[in-house]
Amino acid sequence: MRRVRARSERGAPVTAWLSRKRMSVKVKICGITNFEDALAAVEAGADALGFMFYEKSPRNVPVKVAADIIRQLPPFVAKVGVFVNATDESVRRAIGECGIDTLQFHGDETPAFCRQFSPLKIYKVFRMENLQSLRALPGYRTDAWLLDSFVEGKPGGTGAKFNWDLAVEGKKLGRPIILAGGLTQENVADAVRKVRPFAVDVSSGVESAPGKKDHAKVRKFIAAAKAPSETVRK
């Protein structure tokens, strides 16, 4: 029997339509500290929310507060716990009490440390200074690599931008790339067009103050991030 190729209403193959849909970049809004900001991000189209479990961060959120926010979120939004050189006990506590489904490691965590939390999704963060910064990536067989800016003494959330050519090179190493570092509503569309990342991650770029999101900036950022990928064709 000859296989009949499914087609959309306009006559284009359904498979082609699906491939275009899959290309839409994901957006993660990080540094969520309250439910109002979480809700605004979800309503604006965020695919993931990040909760900072790092006491030195101005966006640090207590486990109990994060748990209360997460309980009120819809199931289709990824809940990402962000850690910096945390103990495995503290990570497991956050998993158990908050219901986070994704872990993001910003510190000096080893590949073995990251692997122990499988089957949760794992993102490992690498701070990009130069081409040498890419050498560590292949050692981490995590679900994605998050590339952030290198600022001496700071693990992230600096608002600094790095050379996106490094992210383009990082994509060649075989894992989904999440692009972070200095992204704003003004430059995120250019970043998506140049790098074609799996996702973009923003914190300070959509804030009115550390830990407080500007809801208008959140809406504009998400719209700008997703606009280029909606026109991509294979």
C-alpha atoms as a PDB file:
ATOM      1  CA  MET A   1       0.000   0.000   0.000  1.00  0.00           C
ATOM      2  CA  ARG A   2       1.338   3.410  -0.959  1.00  0.00           C
ATOM      3  CA  ARG A   3       1.945   5.699   2.021  1.00  0.00           C
ATOM      4  CA  VAL A   4      -0.230   8.792   1.897  1.00  0.00           C
ATOM      5  CA  ARG A   5       1.555  11.901   3.079  1.00  0.00           C
ATOM      6  CA  ALA A   6      -0.504  13.952   5.522  1.00  0.00           C
ATOM      7  CA  ARG A   7      -0.949  17.575   4.580  1.00  0.00           C
ATOM      8  CA  SER A   8      -2.096  20.694   6.363  1.00  0.00           C
ATOM      9  CA  GLU A   9      -5.088  22.765   5.340  1.00  0.00           C
ATOM     10  CA  ARG A  10      -2.904  24.954   3.109  1.00  0.00           C
ATOM     11  CA  GLY A  11      -1.375  21.960   1.363  1.00  0.00           C
ATOM     12  CA  ALA A  12       2.050  21.955   3.043  1.00  0.00           C
ATOM     13  CA  PRO A  13       3.192  18.661   4.590  1.00  0.00           C
ATOM     14  CA  VAL A  14       2.260  18.349   8.245  1.00  0.00           C
ATOM     15  CA  THR A  15       5.804  17.165   9.013  1.00  0.00           C
ATOM     16  CA  ALA A  16       7.200  20.454   7.701  1.00  0.00           C
ATOM     17  CA  TRP A  17       4.739  22.415   9.832  1.00  0.00           C
ATOM     18  CA  LEU A  18       5.762  20.416  12.895  1.00  0.00           C
ATOM     19  CA  SER A  19       9.453  21.031  12.254  1.00  0.00           C
ATOM     20  CA  ARG A  20       8.807  24.767  12.151  1.00  0.00           C
ATOM     21  CA  LYS A  21       6.861  24.612  15.397  1.00  0.00           C
ATOM     22  CA  ARG A  22       9.693  22.761  17.126  1.00  0.00           C
ATOM     23  CA  MET A  23      12.082  25.575  16.266  1.00  0.00           C
ATOM     24  CA  SER A  24      10.386  28.080  18.555  1.00  0.00           C
ATOM     25  CA  VAL A  25      12.964  29.093  21.134  1.00  0.00           C
ATOM     26  CA  LYS A  26      12.150  28.418  24.775  1.00  0.00           C
ATOM     27  CA  VAL A  27      12.305  31.252  27.291  1.00  0.00           C
ATOM     28  CA  LYS A  28      13.314  30.922  30.931  1.00  0.00           C
ATOM     29  CA  ILE A  29      12.685  33.774  33.352  1.00  0.00           C
ATOM     30  CA  CYS A  30      15.118  33.337  36.222  1.00  0.00           C
ATOM     31  CA  GLY A  31      15.319  34.824  39.693  1.00  0.00           C
ATOM     32  CA  ILE A  32      11.628  34.500  40.541  1.00  0.00           C
ATOM     33  CA  THR A  33      10.963  35.524  44.159  1.00  0.00           C
ATOM     34  CA  ASN A  34       7.191  36.017  44.343  1.00  0.00           C
ATOM     35  CA  PHE A  35       3.991  34.648  42.861  1.00  0.00           C
ATOM     36  CA  GLU A  36       2.970  37.886  41.110  1.00  0.00           C
ATOM     37  CA  ASP A  37       6.148  37.835  39.013  1.00  0.00           C
ATOM     38  CA  ALA A  38       5.769  34.115  38.330  1.00  0.00           C
ATOM     39  CA  LEU A  39       2.206  34.570  37.131  1.00  0.00           C
ATOM     40  CA  ALA A  40       3.126  37.519  34.914  1.00  0.00           C
ATOM     41  CA  ALA A  41       5.897  35.482  33.284  1.00  0.00           C
ATOM     42  CA  VAL A  42       3.624  32.493  32.668  1.00  0.00           C
ATOM     43  CA  GLU A  43       0.886  34.679  31.199  1.00  0.00           C
ATOM     44  CA  ALA A  44       3.463  36.300  28.912  1.00  0.00           C
ATOM     45  CA  GLY A  45       4.461  32.898  27.535  1.00  0.00           C
ATOM     46  CA  ALA A  46       7.466  31.818  29.603  1.00  0.00           C
ATOM     47  CA  ASP A  47       8.365  28.143  29.211  1.00  0.00           C
ATOM     48  CA  ALA A  48      10.383  27.902  32.432  1.00  0.00           C
ATOM     49  CA  LEU A  49      10.866  29.766  35.694  1.00  0.00           C
ATOM     50  CA  GLY A  50      14.080  29.759  37.713  1.00  0.00           C
ATOM     51  CA  PHE A  51      14.291  29.802  41.512  1.00  0.00           C
ATOM     52  CA  MET A  52      17.621  30.803  43.023  1.00  0.00           C
ATOM     53  CA  PHE A  53      18.641  28.652  45.998  1.00  0.00           C
ATOM     54  CA  TYR A  54      21.873  30.536  46.662  1.00  0.00           C
ATOM     55  CA  GLU A  55      21.995  32.664  49.796  1.00  0.00           C
ATOM     56  CA  LYS A  56      24.537  35.162  48.450  1.00  0.00           C
ATOM     57  CA  SER A  57      22.305  36.076  45.523  1.00  0.00           C
ATOM     58  CA  PRO A  58      20.013  39.125  45.770  1.00  0.00           C
ATOM     59  CA  ARG A  59      17.434  36.864  44.126  1.00  0.00           C
ATOM     60  CA  ASN A  60      17.719  34.099  46.700  1.00  0.00           C
ATOM     61  CA  VAL A  61      14.361  32.590  47.604  1.00  0.00           C
ATOM     62  CA  PRO A  62      13.712  30.404  50.673  1.00  0.00           C
ATOM     63  CA  VAL A  63      12.651  26.844  49.938  1.00  0.00           C
ATOM     64  CA  LYS A  64       9.262  27.328  51.620  1.00  0.00           C
ATOM     65  CA  VAL A  65       8.509  30.450  49.576  1.00  0.00           C
ATOM     66  CA  ALA A  66       9.506  28.721  46.337  1.00  0.00           C
ATOM     67  CA  ALA A  67       7.329  25.737  47.239  1.00  0.00           C
ATOM     68  CA  ASP A  68       4.312  27.988  47.763  1.00  0.00           C
ATOM     69  CA  ILE A  69       4.839  29.671  44.381  1.00  0.00           C
ATOM     70  CA  ILE A  70       5.407  26.404  42.528  1.00  0.00           C
ATOM     71  CA  ARG A  71       2.247  24.819  43.941  1.00  0.00           C
ATOM     72  CA  GLN A  72       0.219  27.481  42.165  1.00  0.00           C
ATOM     73  CA  LEU A  73       1.885  27.136  38.754  1.00  0.00           C
ATOM     74  CA  PRO A  74       0.435  25.251  35.776  1.00  0.00           C
ATOM     75  CA  PRO A  75       2.031  21.866  34.979  1.00  0.00           C
ATOM     76  CA  PHE A  76       3.351  22.817  31.560  1.00  0.00           C
ATOM     77  CA  VAL A  77       5.867  25.339  32.919  1.00  0.00           C
ATOM     78  CA  ALA A  78       9.286  23.969  33.879  1.00  0.00           C
ATOM     79  CA  LYS A  79      10.310  24.727  37.468  1.00  0.00           C
ATOM     80  CA  VAL A  80      14.079  25.130  37.629  1.00  0.00           C
ATOM     81  CA  GLY A  81      16.060  25.092  40.859  1.00  0.00           C
ATOM     82  CA  VAL A  82      19.312  27.054  40.549  1.00  0.00           C
ATOM     83  CA  PHE A  83      22.229  26.022  42.787  1.00  0.00           C
ATOM     84  CA  VAL A  84      25.832  27.160  43.304  1.00  0.00           C
ATOM     85  CA  ASN A  85      28.129  24.581  44.923  1.00  0.00           C
ATOM     86  CA  ALA A  86      25.273  23.258  47.046  1.00  0.00           C
ATOM     87  CA  THR A  87      25.441  20.011  48.989  1.00  0.00           C
ATOM     88  CA  ASP A  88      23.548  17.046  47.603  1.00  0.00           C
ATOM     89  CA  GLU A  89      21.406  17.090  50.763  1.00  0.00           C
ATOM     90  CA  SER A  90      20.270  20.683  50.167  1.00  0.00           C
ATOM     91  CA  VAL A  91      19.508  19.933  46.521  1.00  0.00           C
ATOM     92  CA  ARG A  92      17.427  16.906  47.483  1.00  0.00           C
ATOM     93  CA  ARG A  93      15.597  18.931  50.107  1.00  0.00           C
ATOM     94  CA  ALA A  94      14.617  21.524  47.501  1.00  0.00           C
ATOM     95  CA  ILE A  95      13.499  18.791  45.120  1.00  0.00           C
ATOM     96  CA  GLY A  96      11.372  17.121  47.775  1.00  0.00           C
ATOM     97  CA  GLU A  97       9.797  20.237  49.240  1.00  0.00           C
ATOM     98  CA  CYS A  98       9.337  22.392  46.146  1.00  0.00           C
ATOM     99  CA  GLY A  99       8.446  20.034  43.337  1.00  0.00           C
ATOM    100  CA  ILE A 100      11.110  21.423  41.002  1.00  0.00           C
ATOM    101  CA  ASP A 101      11.572  19.287  37.897  1.00  0.00           C
ATOM    102  CA  THR A 102      14.851  20.727  36.559  1.00  0.00           C
ATOM    103  CA  LEU A 103      18.200  21.452  38.227  1.00  0.00           C
ATOM    104  CA  GLN A 104      20.627  24.152  37.101  1.00  0.00           C
ATOM    105  CA  PHE A 105      24.155  24.042  38.499  1.00  0.00           C
ATOM    106  CA  HIS A 106      26.121  27.302  38.410  1.00  0.00           C
ATOM    107  CA  GLY A 107      29.199  26.377  40.418  1.00  0.00           C
ATOM    108  CA  ASP A 108      32.096  23.927  40.298  1.00  0.00           C
ATOM    109  CA  GLU A 109      29.918  20.814  40.340  1.00  0.00           C
ATOM    110  CA  THR A 110      31.510  17.711  38.842  1.00  0.00           C
ATOM    111  CA  PRO A 111      29.867  15.577  36.150  1.00  0.00           C
ATOM    112  CA  ALA A 112      29.295  12.848  38.750  1.00  0.00           C
ATOM    113  CA  PHE A 113      27.586  15.288  41.105  1.00  0.00           C
ATOM    114  CA  CYS A 114      25.237  16.394  38.338  1.00  0.00           C
ATOM    115  CA  ARG A 115      24.441  12.836  37.194  1.00  0.00           C
ATOM    116  CA  GLN A 116      23.279  11.658  40.617  1.00  0.00           C
ATOM    117  CA  PHE A 117      20.004  13.576  40.312  1.00  0.00           C
ATOM    118  CA  SER A 118      18.829  11.778  37.191  1.00  0.00           C
ATOM    119  CA  PRO A 119      16.094  11.372  35.924  1.00  0.00           C
ATOM    120  CA  LEU A 120      15.415  15.056  36.629  1.00  0.00           C
ATOM    121  CA  LYS A 121      16.522  17.354  33.831  1.00  0.00           C
ATOM    122  CA  ILE A 122      19.952  18.841  34.470  1.00  0.00           C
ATOM    123  CA  TYR A 123      21.465  22.059  33.087  1.00  0.00           C
ATOM    124  CA  LYS A 124      25.149  22.804  33.696  1.00  0.00           C
ATOM    125  CA  VAL A 125      26.273  26.408  33.491  1.00  0.00           C
ATOM    126  CA  PHE A 126      29.559  27.508  31.935  1.00  0.00           C
ATOM    127  CA  ARG A 127      30.887  31.051  32.073  1.00  0.00           C
ATOM    128  CA  MET A 128      32.241  32.119  28.702  1.00  0.00           C
ATOM    129  CA  GLU A 129      35.475  34.108  28.637  1.00  0.00           C
ATOM    130  CA  ASN A 130      37.183  32.789  25.494  1.00  0.00           C
ATOM    131  CA  LEU A 131      37.443  29.668  23.323  1.00  0.00           C
ATOM    132  CA  GLN A 132      39.203  27.839  26.134  1.00  0.00           C
ATOM    133  CA  SER A 133      35.983  28.141  28.132  1.00  0.00           C
ATOM    134  CA  LEU A 134      34.371  25.605  25.787  1.00  0.00           C
ATOM    135  CA  ARG A 135      36.796  22.811  26.657  1.00  0.00           C
ATOM    136  CA  ALA A 136      34.870  21.757  29.755  1.00  0.00           C
ATOM    137  CA  LEU A 137      31.518  21.293  27.997  1.00  0.00           C
ATOM    138  CA  PRO A 138      31.915  17.762  26.562  1.00  0.00           C
ATOM    139  CA  GLY A 139      32.660  16.327  30.001  1.00  0.00           C
ATOM    140  CA  TYR A 140      29.124  17.093  31.133  1.00  0.00           C
ATOM    141  CA  ARG A 141      26.488  14.894  29.504  1.00  0.00           C
ATOM    142  CA  THR A 142      23.651  16.964  30.912  1.00  0.00           C
ATOM    143  CA  ASP A 143      20.365  17.724  29.181  1.00  0.00           C
ATOM    144  CA  ALA A 144      21.612  21.163  28.156  1.00  0.00           C
ATOM    145  CA  TRP A 145      24.539  23.516  28.586  1.00  0.00           C
ATOM    146  CA  LEU A 146      23.769  27.039  29.759  1.00  0.00           C
ATOM    147  CA  LEU A 147      26.323  29.562  28.558  1.00  0.00           C
ATOM    148  CA  ASP A 148      26.638  32.705  30.663  1.00  0.00           C
ATOM    149  CA  SER A 149      29.048  35.617  30.832  1.00  0.00           C
ATOM    150  CA  PHE A 150      32.320  35.410  32.728  1.00  0.00           C
ATOM    151  CA  VAL A 151      32.612  38.047  35.458  1.00  0.00           C
ATOM    152  CA  GLU A 152      35.345  37.485  38.019  1.00  0.00           C
ATOM    153  CA  GLY A 153      33.976  36.339  41.368  1.00  0.00           C
ATOM    154  CA  LYS A 154      30.330  36.215  40.297  1.00  0.00           C
ATOM    155  CA  PRO A 155      28.528  32.986  39.283  1.00  0.00           C
ATOM    156  CA  GLY A 156      25.833  34.750  37.234  1.00  0.00           C
ATOM    157  CA  GLY A 157      23.074  37.327  37.147  1.00  0.00           C
ATOM    158  CA  THR A 158      25.524  40.097  36.251  1.00  0.00           C
ATOM    159  CA  GLY A 159      23.738  41.510  33.217  1.00  0.00           C
ATOM    160  CA  ALA A 160      26.997  41.306  31.244  1.00  0.00           C
ATOM    161  CA  LYS A 161      26.997  40.070  27.650  1.00  0.00           C
ATOM    162  CA  PHE A 162      29.602  37.740  26.134  1.00  0.00           C
ATOM    163  CA  ASN A 163      30.728  37.063  22.565  1.00  0.00           C
ATOM    164  CA  TRP A 164      27.903  35.057  20.983  1.00  0.00           C
ATOM    165  CA  ASP A 165      30.371  33.503  18.539  1.00  0.00           C
ATOM    166  CA  LEU A 166      31.412  31.304  21.466  1.00  0.00           C
ATOM    167  CA  ALA A 167      27.835  30.040  21.770  1.00  0.00           C
ATOM    168  CA  VAL A 168      27.775  29.254  18.049  1.00  0.00           C
ATOM    169  CA  GLU A 169      30.912  27.157  18.538  1.00  0.00           C
ATOM    170  CA  GLY A 170      29.418  25.545  21.624  1.00  0.00           C
ATOM    171  CA  LYS A 171      26.439  24.306  19.595  1.00  0.00           C
ATOM    172  CA  LYS A 172      28.819  22.217  17.476  1.00  0.00           C
ATOM    173  CA  LEU A 173      29.715  20.108  20.528  1.00  0.00           C
ATOM    174  CA  GLY A 174      26.423  18.268  20.486  1.00  0.00           C
ATOM    175  CA  ARG A 175      24.147  19.439  23.288  1.00  0.00           C
ATOM    176  CA  PRO A 176      21.247  21.904  23.415  1.00  0.00           C
ATOM    177  CA  ILE A 177      22.464  25.410  24.247  1.00  0.00           C
ATOM    178  CA  ILE A 178      20.702  27.796  26.600  1.00  0.00           C
ATOM    179  CA  LEU A 179      21.945  31.324  26.025  1.00  0.00           C
ATOM    180  CA  ALA A 180      22.216  33.742  28.954  1.00  0.00           C
ATOM    181  CA  GLY A 181      24.205  36.802  29.907  1.00  0.00           C
ATOM    182  CA  GLY A 182      23.174  40.387  29.262  1.00  0.00           C
ATOM    183  CA  LEU A 183      20.064  39.581  27.251  1.00  0.00           C
ATOM    184  CA  THR A 184      17.397  42.273  27.011  1.00  0.00           C
ATOM    185  CA  GLN A 185      14.298  42.988  24.969  1.00  0.00           C
ATOM    186  CA  GLU A 186      16.525  45.056  22.666  1.00  0.00           C
ATOM    187  CA  ASN A 187      19.098  42.383  21.810  1.00  0.00           C
ATOM    188  CA  VAL A 188      17.439  38.994  22.353  1.00  0.00           C
ATOM    189  CA  ALA A 189      16.025  38.761  18.822  1.00  0.00           C
ATOM    190  CA  ASP A 190      19.517  39.277  17.373  1.00  0.00           C
ATOM    191  CA  ALA A 191      20.867  36.646  19.766  1.00  0.00           C
ATOM    192  CA  VAL A 192      18.252  34.101  18.689  1.00  0.00           C
ATOM    193  CA  ARG A 193      18.893  34.753  14.998  1.00  0.00           C
ATOM    194  CA  LYS A 194      22.665  34.418  15.408  1.00  0.00           C
ATOM    195  CA  VAL A 195      22.944  31.491  17.809  1.00  0.00           C
ATOM    196  CA  ARG A 196      19.684  29.570  17.224  1.00  0.00           C
ATOM    197  CA  PRO A 197      19.773  28.331  20.834  1.00  0.00           C
ATOM    198  CA  PHE A 198      17.400  25.806  22.343  1.00  0.00           C
ATOM    199  CA  ALA A 199      16.452  28.441  24.916  1.00  0.00           C
ATOM    200  CA  VAL A 200      17.308  31.880  26.263  1.00  0.00           C
ATOM    201  CA  ASP A 201      17.582  32.741  29.947  1.00  0.00           C
ATOM    202  CA  VAL A 202      17.092  36.173  31.478  1.00  0.00           C
ATOM    203  CA  SER A 203      17.054  37.608  34.980  1.00  0.00           C
ATOM    204  CA  SER A 204      18.411  41.133  35.452  1.00  0.00           C
ATOM    205  CA  GLY A 205      17.392  42.124  31.920  1.00  0.00           C
ATOM    206  CA  VAL A 206      13.704  42.099  32.890  1.00  0.00           C
ATOM    207  CA  GLU A 207      13.951  43.578  36.380  1.00  0.00           C
ATOM    208  CA  SER A 208      13.061  46.877  37.992  1.00  0.00           C
ATOM    209  CA  ALA A 209      15.297  45.886  40.944  1.00  0.00           C
ATOM    210  CA  PRO A 210      17.169  42.686  41.882  1.00  0.00           C
ATOM    211  CA  GLY A 211      14.553  40.022  42.515  1.00  0.00           C
ATOM    212  CA  LYS A 212      11.643  42.158  41.284  1.00  0.00           C
ATOM    213  CA  LYS A 213      10.477  41.676  37.709  1.00  0.00           C
ATOM    214  CA  ASP A 214       9.201  44.481  35.506  1.00  0.00           C
ATOM    215  CA  HIS A 215       6.132  42.854  33.963  1.00  0.00           C
ATOM    216  CA  ALA A 216       6.191  45.022  30.845  1.00  0.00           C
ATOM    217  CA  LYS A 217       9.832  44.108  30.234  1.00  0.00           C
ATOM    218  CA  VAL A 218       8.993  40.425  30.706  1.00  0.00           C
ATOM    219  CA  ARG A 219       6.246  40.596  28.073  1.00  0.00           C
ATOM    220  CA  LYS A 220       8.411  42.480  25.602  1.00  0.00           C
ATOM    221  CA  PHE A 221      11.383  40.166  26.147  1.00  0.00           C
ATOM    222  CA  ILE A 222       9.390  36.992  25.532  1.00  0.00           C
ATOM    223  CA  ALA A 223       7.704  38.433  22.452  1.00  0.00           C
ATOM    224  CA  ALA A 224      11.051  39.557  21.029  1.00  0.00           C
ATOM    225  CA  ALA A 225      12.728  36.214  21.780  1.00  0.00           C
ATOM    226  CA  LYS A 226      10.051  34.125  20.101  1.00  0.00           C
ATOM    227  CA  ALA A 227       9.445  36.344  17.073  1.00  0.00           C
ATOM    228  CA  PRO A 228      12.550  35.339  15.020  1.00  0.00           C
ATOM    229  CA  SER A 229      12.060  31.587  15.489  1.00  0.00           C
ATOM    230  CA  GLU A 230       8.450  31.771  14.312  1.00  0.00           C
ATOM    231  CA  THR A 231       9.660  32.692  10.826  1.00  0.00           C
ATOM    232  CA  VAL A 232      12.435  30.093  10.580  1.00  0.00           C
ATOM    233  CA  ARG A 233      12.102  27.496   7.821  1.00  0.00           C
ATOM    234  CA  LYS A 234      14.168  24.369   7.415  1.00  0.00           C
END
